[in-house]
Amino acid sequence: MTFNIPLKIITLTLLLLLISCSHYPAKTDPEAIPGSVKSTNVDDLLRNLQSEPKPTKQAKISAYAAQIRSVMVKKIPSAEAYVGKVCTIRISLQRDGLVNNATAEAGDEKFCQMLISTITHTQFPAAPDEETYQVFKNAHFDFKP
């Protein structure tokens, strides 16, 4: 079986294919497509981005403890009157920072009573995540003005 296709037809067909394809930009060239962003620009932007390092578990716990301490320092009335006193209080917190319960475990009785009264009427900030909440949901705190 032989094909008798004249050489002129094959040549013209190839020539038409080459000419018709040469006027269109390559689909892989992002500069040739209107409205597109060069992928190298996007790659450069992404390469230059640096994600913030995730805080460690201990760093989150320390930061949350500092928040609780800060709230308490602002709430304690006349802290100077209690200098030298110590009180350990167990605080039961809800996930949103609301106090369920506060009980004195050790320390100066009057100082502890004042702290319990203050703590039970205080809204603490919510823990930043579940892991931190689990540490603080039933924790004891040592107060020393």
N, C-alpha and C. Protein backbone atom coordinates (compact mmCIF):
# COMPACT_ATOMS: atom_id res chain seq x y z
N MET A 1 0.84 -1.16 0.00
CA MET A 1 0.00 0.00 0.00
C MET A 1 0.89 1.24 0.00
N THR A 2 0.74 2.04 -0.97
CA THR A 2 1.53 3.25 -1.10
C THR A 2 0.61 4.45 -1.13
N PHE A 3 1.11 5.52 -0.57
CA PHE A 3 0.34 6.77 -0.57
C PHE A 3 0.89 7.64 -1.67
N ASN A 4 0.02 8.13 -2.46
CA ASN A 4 0.41 9.01 -3.55
C ASN A 4 0.00 10.44 -3.23
N ILE A 5 0.56 10.96 -2.19
CA ILE A 5 0.28 12.34 -1.82
C ILE A 5 1.41 13.17 -2.41
N PRO A 6 1.02 14.10 -3.20
CA PRO A 6 2.05 14.90 -3.85
C PRO A 6 2.88 15.65 -2.81
N LEU A 7 4.13 15.78 -3.08
CA LEU A 7 5.08 16.45 -2.21
C LEU A 7 4.68 17.91 -1.98
N LYS A 8 4.06 18.54 -2.96
CA LYS A 8 3.62 19.93 -2.82
C LYS A 8 2.57 20.07 -1.72
N ILE A 9 1.65 19.13 -1.62
CA ILE A 9 0.58 19.20 -0.62
C ILE A 9 1.17 19.05 0.79
N ILE A 10 2.09 18.11 0.95
CA ILE A 10 2.73 17.91 2.25
C ILE A 10 3.51 19.15 2.64
N THR A 11 4.24 19.71 1.71
CA THR A 11 5.05 20.90 1.98
C THR A 11 4.15 22.07 2.36
N LEU A 12 3.08 22.30 1.62
CA LEU A 12 2.16 23.39 1.93
C LEU A 12 1.49 23.20 3.29
N THR A 13 1.11 21.99 3.61
CA THR A 13 0.47 21.72 4.89
C THR A 13 1.42 22.02 6.04
N LEU A 14 2.65 21.56 5.94
CA LEU A 14 3.64 21.84 6.98
C LEU A 14 3.92 23.33 7.09
N LEU A 15 4.01 23.99 5.95
CA LEU A 15 4.26 25.42 5.94
C LEU A 15 3.11 26.18 6.61
N LEU A 16 1.87 25.82 6.34
CA LEU A 16 0.72 26.46 6.97
C LEU A 16 0.70 26.22 8.48
N LEU A 17 1.03 25.03 8.90
CA LEU A 17 1.08 24.74 10.34
C LEU A 17 2.13 25.59 11.03
N LEU A 18 3.30 25.72 10.43
CA LEU A 18 4.36 26.52 11.02
C LEU A 18 3.99 27.99 11.08
N ILE A 19 3.40 28.49 10.02
CA ILE A 19 3.02 29.90 9.98
C ILE A 19 1.90 30.19 10.98
N SER A 20 0.91 29.34 11.06
CA SER A 20 -0.22 29.59 11.95
C SER A 20 0.19 29.54 13.42
N CYS A 21 1.14 28.72 13.78
CA CYS A 21 1.58 28.62 15.17
C CYS A 21 2.54 29.73 15.57
N SER A 22 3.20 30.34 14.64
CA SER A 22 4.22 31.33 14.98
C SER A 22 3.64 32.65 15.45
N HIS A 23 2.37 32.94 15.21
CA HIS A 23 1.76 34.20 15.62
C HIS A 23 1.18 34.16 17.03
N TYR A 24 1.12 33.04 17.67
CA TYR A 24 0.55 32.93 19.01
C TYR A 24 1.65 32.72 20.03
N PRO A 25 1.57 33.40 21.13
CA PRO A 25 2.60 33.23 22.16
C PRO A 25 2.51 31.83 22.77
N ALA A 26 3.61 31.39 23.26
CA ALA A 26 3.64 30.08 23.90
C ALA A 26 2.83 30.15 25.19
N LYS A 27 2.07 29.12 25.46
CA LYS A 27 1.23 29.12 26.65
C LYS A 27 2.05 29.06 27.93
N THR A 28 3.27 28.63 27.84
CA THR A 28 4.10 28.52 29.04
C THR A 28 4.85 29.81 29.34
N ASP A 29 4.76 30.81 28.47
CA ASP A 29 5.44 32.08 28.71
C ASP A 29 4.48 33.02 29.43
N PRO A 30 4.64 33.23 30.73
CA PRO A 30 3.69 34.05 31.47
C PRO A 30 3.67 35.51 31.03
N GLU A 31 4.77 36.02 30.47
CA GLU A 31 4.78 37.41 30.02
C GLU A 31 3.91 37.60 28.79
N ALA A 32 3.71 36.54 28.02
CA ALA A 32 2.99 36.66 26.77
C ALA A 32 1.48 36.67 26.97
N ILE A 33 1.00 36.26 28.11
CA ILE A 33 -0.43 36.21 28.36
C ILE A 33 -0.82 37.48 29.11
N PRO A 34 -1.71 38.30 28.52
CA PRO A 34 -2.10 39.55 29.18
C PRO A 34 -2.73 39.29 30.55
N GLY A 35 -2.36 40.12 31.53
CA GLY A 35 -2.95 40.02 32.86
C GLY A 35 -2.32 38.96 33.74
N SER A 36 -1.33 38.26 33.24
CA SER A 36 -0.73 37.22 34.07
C SER A 36 0.47 37.77 34.82
N VAL A 37 0.84 37.11 35.87
CA VAL A 37 1.98 37.51 36.68
C VAL A 37 3.12 36.56 36.36
N LYS A 38 4.28 37.13 36.23
CA LYS A 38 5.44 36.27 35.98
C LYS A 38 5.62 35.34 37.16
N SER A 39 5.79 34.09 36.87
CA SER A 39 5.95 33.14 37.96
C SER A 39 7.23 33.41 38.74
N THR A 40 8.24 33.96 38.08
CA THR A 40 9.47 34.24 38.82
C THR A 40 9.23 35.34 39.86
N ASN A 41 8.35 36.31 39.55
CA ASN A 41 8.02 37.34 40.54
C ASN A 41 7.34 36.73 41.75
N VAL A 42 6.40 35.84 41.51
CA VAL A 42 5.70 35.18 42.60
C VAL A 42 6.68 34.34 43.41
N ASP A 43 7.54 33.62 42.72
CA ASP A 43 8.54 32.81 43.41
C ASP A 43 9.44 33.68 44.27
N ASP A 44 9.84 34.84 43.72
CA ASP A 44 10.69 35.74 44.49
C ASP A 44 9.97 36.25 45.74
N LEU A 45 8.69 36.60 45.59
CA LEU A 45 7.92 37.07 46.74
C LEU A 45 7.81 35.99 47.81
N LEU A 46 7.50 34.78 47.37
CA LEU A 46 7.35 33.70 48.33
C LEU A 46 8.68 33.34 48.97
N ARG A 47 9.75 33.42 48.23
CA ARG A 47 11.06 33.09 48.76
C ARG A 47 11.47 34.09 49.83
N ASN A 48 11.06 35.36 49.64
CA ASN A 48 11.45 36.40 50.58
C ASN A 48 10.60 36.42 51.85
N LEU A 49 9.45 35.75 51.80
CA LEU A 49 8.61 35.70 53.00
C LEU A 49 9.23 34.77 54.01
N GLN A 50 9.24 35.20 55.23
CA GLN A 50 9.73 34.34 56.30
C GLN A 50 8.63 34.24 57.32
N SER A 51 8.23 33.03 57.63
CA SER A 51 7.17 32.86 58.61
C SER A 51 7.74 33.11 60.00
N GLU A 52 6.88 33.65 60.82
CA GLU A 52 7.27 33.89 62.21
C GLU A 52 7.49 32.54 62.88
N PRO A 53 8.52 32.43 63.67
CA PRO A 53 8.72 31.16 64.36
C PRO A 53 7.57 30.93 65.35
N LYS A 54 7.12 29.70 65.41
CA LYS A 54 6.03 29.38 66.33
C LYS A 54 6.55 29.44 67.76
N PRO A 55 5.76 30.07 68.62
CA PRO A 55 6.21 30.12 70.01
C PRO A 55 6.19 28.71 70.61
N THR A 56 7.15 28.44 71.44
CA THR A 56 7.21 27.13 72.07
C THR A 56 6.10 27.02 73.11
N LYS A 57 5.85 25.80 73.53
CA LYS A 57 4.82 25.57 74.55
C LYS A 57 5.14 26.37 75.81
N GLN A 58 6.40 26.33 76.23
CA GLN A 58 6.80 27.03 77.45
C GLN A 58 6.65 28.55 77.28
N ALA A 59 6.94 29.05 76.08
CA ALA A 59 6.81 30.49 75.84
C ALA A 59 5.35 30.92 75.93
N LYS A 60 4.43 30.11 75.40
CA LYS A 60 3.01 30.43 75.48
C LYS A 60 2.52 30.40 76.92
N ILE A 61 2.99 29.41 77.66
CA ILE A 61 2.59 29.29 79.07
C ILE A 61 3.11 30.49 79.86
N SER A 62 4.35 30.86 79.64
CA SER A 62 4.94 32.01 80.34
C SER A 62 4.22 33.30 79.99
N ALA A 63 3.88 33.47 78.71
CA ALA A 63 3.19 34.68 78.28
C ALA A 63 1.80 34.77 78.90
N TYR A 64 1.10 33.64 78.96
CA TYR A 64 -0.24 33.64 79.55
C TYR A 64 -0.16 33.90 81.06
N ALA A 65 0.82 33.32 81.73
CA ALA A 65 1.01 33.57 83.16
C ALA A 65 1.28 35.05 83.40
N ALA A 66 2.04 35.67 82.52
CA ALA A 66 2.32 37.11 82.64
C ALA A 66 1.04 37.93 82.46
N GLN A 67 0.16 37.49 81.57
CA GLN A 67 -1.12 38.19 81.39
C GLN A 67 -1.96 38.11 82.65
N ILE A 68 -2.02 36.92 83.24
CA ILE A 68 -2.79 36.75 84.47
C ILE A 68 -2.20 37.61 85.58
N ARG A 69 -0.88 37.60 85.70
CA ARG A 69 -0.21 38.41 86.72
C ARG A 69 -0.51 39.89 86.51
N SER A 70 -0.46 40.34 85.27
CA SER A 70 -0.72 41.75 84.96
C SER A 70 -2.14 42.15 85.38
N VAL A 71 -3.10 41.29 85.10
CA VAL A 71 -4.49 41.57 85.50
C VAL A 71 -4.58 41.66 87.02
N MET A 72 -3.94 40.74 87.70
CA MET A 72 -4.01 40.72 89.17
C MET A 72 -3.33 41.94 89.79
N VAL A 73 -2.20 42.34 89.24
CA VAL A 73 -1.49 43.52 89.78
C VAL A 73 -2.39 44.75 89.69
N LYS A 74 -3.14 44.87 88.61
CA LYS A 74 -4.03 46.01 88.44
C LYS A 74 -5.24 45.94 89.37
N LYS A 75 -5.66 44.73 89.73
CA LYS A 75 -6.88 44.55 90.51
C LYS A 75 -6.68 44.58 92.02
N ILE A 76 -5.48 44.28 92.49
CA ILE A 76 -5.26 44.20 93.94
C ILE A 76 -5.31 45.61 94.54
N PRO A 77 -6.26 45.84 95.44
CA PRO A 77 -6.34 47.15 96.08
C PRO A 77 -5.26 47.27 97.16
N SER A 78 -4.64 48.41 97.22
CA SER A 78 -3.61 48.73 98.21
C SER A 78 -2.64 47.57 98.47
N ALA A 79 -1.93 47.19 97.42
CA ALA A 79 -0.97 46.08 97.51
C ALA A 79 0.12 46.37 98.53
N GLU A 80 0.43 47.65 98.74
CA GLU A 80 1.48 48.03 99.70
C GLU A 80 1.17 47.53 101.11
N ALA A 81 -0.10 47.44 101.45
CA ALA A 81 -0.50 46.99 102.78
C ALA A 81 -0.19 45.52 103.02
N TYR A 82 0.06 44.79 101.94
CA TYR A 82 0.29 43.35 102.05
C TYR A 82 1.74 42.95 101.76
N VAL A 83 2.64 43.91 101.72
CA VAL A 83 4.05 43.60 101.45
C VAL A 83 4.56 42.64 102.52
N GLY A 84 5.25 41.59 102.10
CA GLY A 84 5.76 40.57 103.02
C GLY A 84 4.80 39.41 103.22
N LYS A 85 3.57 39.56 102.77
CA LYS A 85 2.57 38.49 102.89
C LYS A 85 2.66 37.59 101.67
N VAL A 86 2.24 36.35 101.87
CA VAL A 86 2.25 35.36 100.78
C VAL A 86 0.94 34.61 100.81
N CYS A 87 0.43 34.25 99.63
CA CYS A 87 -0.78 33.44 99.56
C CYS A 87 -0.72 32.55 98.31
N THR A 88 -1.00 31.28 98.51
CA THR A 88 -1.09 30.35 97.38
C THR A 88 -2.57 30.06 97.18
N ILE A 89 -3.04 30.34 95.96
CA ILE A 89 -4.45 30.15 95.64
C ILE A 89 -4.59 29.24 94.43
N ARG A 90 -5.52 28.29 94.54
CA ARG A 90 -5.85 27.44 93.40
C ARG A 90 -7.03 28.09 92.68
N ILE A 91 -6.82 28.32 91.39
CA ILE A 91 -7.85 28.97 90.58
C ILE A 91 -8.34 27.99 89.52
N SER A 92 -9.64 27.86 89.43
CA SER A 92 -10.27 27.03 88.40
C SER A 92 -10.86 27.97 87.35
N LEU A 93 -10.33 27.89 86.13
CA LEU A 93 -10.74 28.80 85.05
C LEU A 93 -11.55 28.08 83.98
N GLN A 94 -12.46 28.82 83.37
CA GLN A 94 -13.13 28.34 82.17
C GLN A 94 -12.26 28.69 80.97
N ARG A 95 -12.57 28.11 79.82
CA ARG A 95 -11.77 28.32 78.61
C ARG A 95 -11.69 29.80 78.23
N ASP A 96 -12.77 30.55 78.49
CA ASP A 96 -12.81 31.97 78.10
C ASP A 96 -12.17 32.90 79.13
N GLY A 97 -11.62 32.34 80.23
CA GLY A 97 -10.96 33.15 81.25
C GLY A 97 -11.82 33.49 82.45
N LEU A 98 -13.07 33.08 82.43
CA LEU A 98 -13.96 33.32 83.57
C LEU A 98 -13.56 32.38 84.71
N VAL A 99 -13.59 32.89 85.93
CA VAL A 99 -13.18 32.10 87.11
C VAL A 99 -14.36 31.26 87.60
N ASN A 100 -14.13 29.94 87.70
CA ASN A 100 -15.13 29.04 88.29
C ASN A 100 -15.05 29.09 89.80
N ASN A 101 -13.81 29.03 90.31
CA ASN A 101 -13.61 28.91 91.74
C ASN A 101 -12.20 29.36 92.09
N ALA A 102 -12.04 29.86 93.29
CA ALA A 102 -10.71 30.20 93.81
C ALA A 102 -10.68 29.82 95.28
N THR A 103 -9.66 29.05 95.67
CA THR A 103 -9.54 28.63 97.07
C THR A 103 -8.11 28.84 97.55
N ALA A 104 -8.00 29.26 98.80
CA ALA A 104 -6.68 29.47 99.39
C ALA A 104 -6.11 28.13 99.82
N GLU A 105 -4.86 27.89 99.49
CA GLU A 105 -4.18 26.66 99.90
C GLU A 105 -3.21 26.91 101.04
N ALA A 106 -2.63 28.10 101.08
CA ALA A 106 -1.68 28.43 102.15
C ALA A 106 -1.44 29.93 102.13
N GLY A 107 -1.04 30.47 103.28
CA GLY A 107 -0.66 31.87 103.34
C GLY A 107 -1.40 32.67 104.37
N ASP A 108 -1.18 33.97 104.34
CA ASP A 108 -1.80 34.91 105.27
C ASP A 108 -3.31 34.95 105.02
N GLU A 109 -4.08 34.73 106.09
CA GLU A 109 -5.53 34.60 105.95
C GLU A 109 -6.20 35.84 105.36
N LYS A 110 -5.88 37.03 105.89
CA LYS A 110 -6.51 38.26 105.38
C LYS A 110 -6.12 38.53 103.93
N PHE A 111 -4.85 38.33 103.63
CA PHE A 111 -4.37 38.54 102.25
C PHE A 111 -5.06 37.56 101.29
N CYS A 112 -5.17 36.30 101.72
CA CYS A 112 -5.81 35.29 100.88
C CYS A 112 -7.29 35.61 100.65
N GLN A 113 -8.00 36.06 101.70
CA GLN A 113 -9.41 36.41 101.55
C GLN A 113 -9.60 37.57 100.57
N MET A 114 -8.73 38.57 100.67
CA MET A 114 -8.80 39.70 99.75
C MET A 114 -8.55 39.21 98.31
N LEU A 115 -7.56 38.34 98.14
CA LEU A 115 -7.26 37.81 96.80
C LEU A 115 -8.41 36.99 96.23
N ILE A 116 -9.00 36.14 97.05
CA ILE A 116 -10.13 35.32 96.59
C ILE A 116 -11.28 36.21 96.15
N SER A 117 -11.58 37.23 96.95
CA SER A 117 -12.65 38.16 96.59
C SER A 117 -12.34 38.86 95.26
N THR A 118 -11.11 39.29 95.10
CA THR A 118 -10.71 39.97 93.86
C THR A 118 -10.74 39.02 92.67
N ILE A 119 -10.20 37.83 92.84
CA ILE A 119 -10.11 36.86 91.74
C ILE A 119 -11.48 36.42 91.26
N THR A 120 -12.40 36.16 92.19
CA THR A 120 -13.71 35.66 91.78
C THR A 120 -14.53 36.70 91.01
N HIS A 121 -14.13 37.96 91.10
CA HIS A 121 -14.82 39.02 90.36
C HIS A 121 -13.99 39.52 89.17
N THR A 122 -13.05 38.72 88.75
CA THR A 122 -12.15 39.14 87.66
C THR A 122 -12.35 38.26 86.44
N GLN A 123 -12.37 38.88 85.29
CA GLN A 123 -12.38 38.15 84.01
C GLN A 123 -10.95 38.17 83.49
N PHE A 124 -10.33 37.00 83.42
CA PHE A 124 -8.98 36.90 82.89
C PHE A 124 -9.05 36.73 81.38
N PRO A 125 -7.97 37.03 80.67
CA PRO A 125 -7.98 36.80 79.22
C PRO A 125 -8.10 35.30 78.94
N ALA A 126 -8.70 34.98 77.81
CA ALA A 126 -8.81 33.58 77.40
C ALA A 126 -7.42 33.04 77.07
N ALA A 127 -7.21 31.77 77.35
CA ALA A 127 -5.93 31.13 77.02
C ALA A 127 -5.76 31.14 75.50
N PRO A 128 -4.53 31.27 75.02
CA PRO A 128 -4.31 31.37 73.57
C PRO A 128 -4.62 30.10 72.79
N ASP A 129 -4.57 28.96 73.46
CA ASP A 129 -4.88 27.70 72.78
C ASP A 129 -5.28 26.65 73.81
N GLU A 130 -5.73 25.52 73.33
CA GLU A 130 -6.21 24.46 74.22
C GLU A 130 -5.10 23.92 75.11
N GLU A 131 -3.93 23.79 74.57
CA GLU A 131 -2.80 23.25 75.33
C GLU A 131 -2.48 24.14 76.54
N THR A 132 -2.47 25.44 76.32
CA THR A 132 -2.20 26.38 77.42
C THR A 132 -3.35 26.36 78.42
N TYR A 133 -4.57 26.29 77.93
CA TYR A 133 -5.73 26.22 78.82
C TYR A 133 -5.64 25.01 79.74
N GLN A 134 -5.24 23.88 79.20
CA GLN A 134 -5.14 22.66 80.02
C GLN A 134 -4.17 22.85 81.19
N VAL A 135 -3.13 23.63 80.98
CA VAL A 135 -2.16 23.90 82.05
C VAL A 135 -2.78 24.79 83.13
N PHE A 136 -3.60 25.76 82.71
CA PHE A 136 -4.11 26.77 83.64
C PHE A 136 -5.53 26.54 84.13
N LYS A 137 -6.22 25.54 83.63
CA LYS A 137 -7.63 25.40 84.00
C LYS A 137 -7.84 25.11 85.48
N ASN A 138 -6.84 24.55 86.14
CA ASN A 138 -6.93 24.28 87.58
C ASN A 138 -5.52 24.41 88.17
N ALA A 139 -5.02 25.63 88.19
CA ALA A 139 -3.62 25.86 88.59
C ALA A 139 -3.56 26.62 89.91
N HIS A 140 -2.43 26.48 90.57
CA HIS A 140 -2.24 27.28 91.78
C HIS A 140 -1.23 28.39 91.49
N PHE A 141 -1.45 29.50 92.17
CA PHE A 141 -0.63 30.69 91.98
C PHE A 141 -0.13 31.16 93.34
N ASP A 142 1.12 31.56 93.36
CA ASP A 142 1.71 32.15 94.56
C ASP A 142 1.70 33.66 94.39
N PHE A 143 1.03 34.35 95.30
CA PHE A 143 0.95 35.80 95.25
C PHE A 143 1.83 36.39 96.34
N LYS A 144 2.70 37.31 95.92
CA LYS A 144 3.60 38.00 96.86
C LYS A 144 3.70 39.46 96.42
N PRO A 145 3.01 40.38 97.10
CA PRO A 145 3.10 41.78 96.67
C PRO A 145 4.45 42.40 96.97
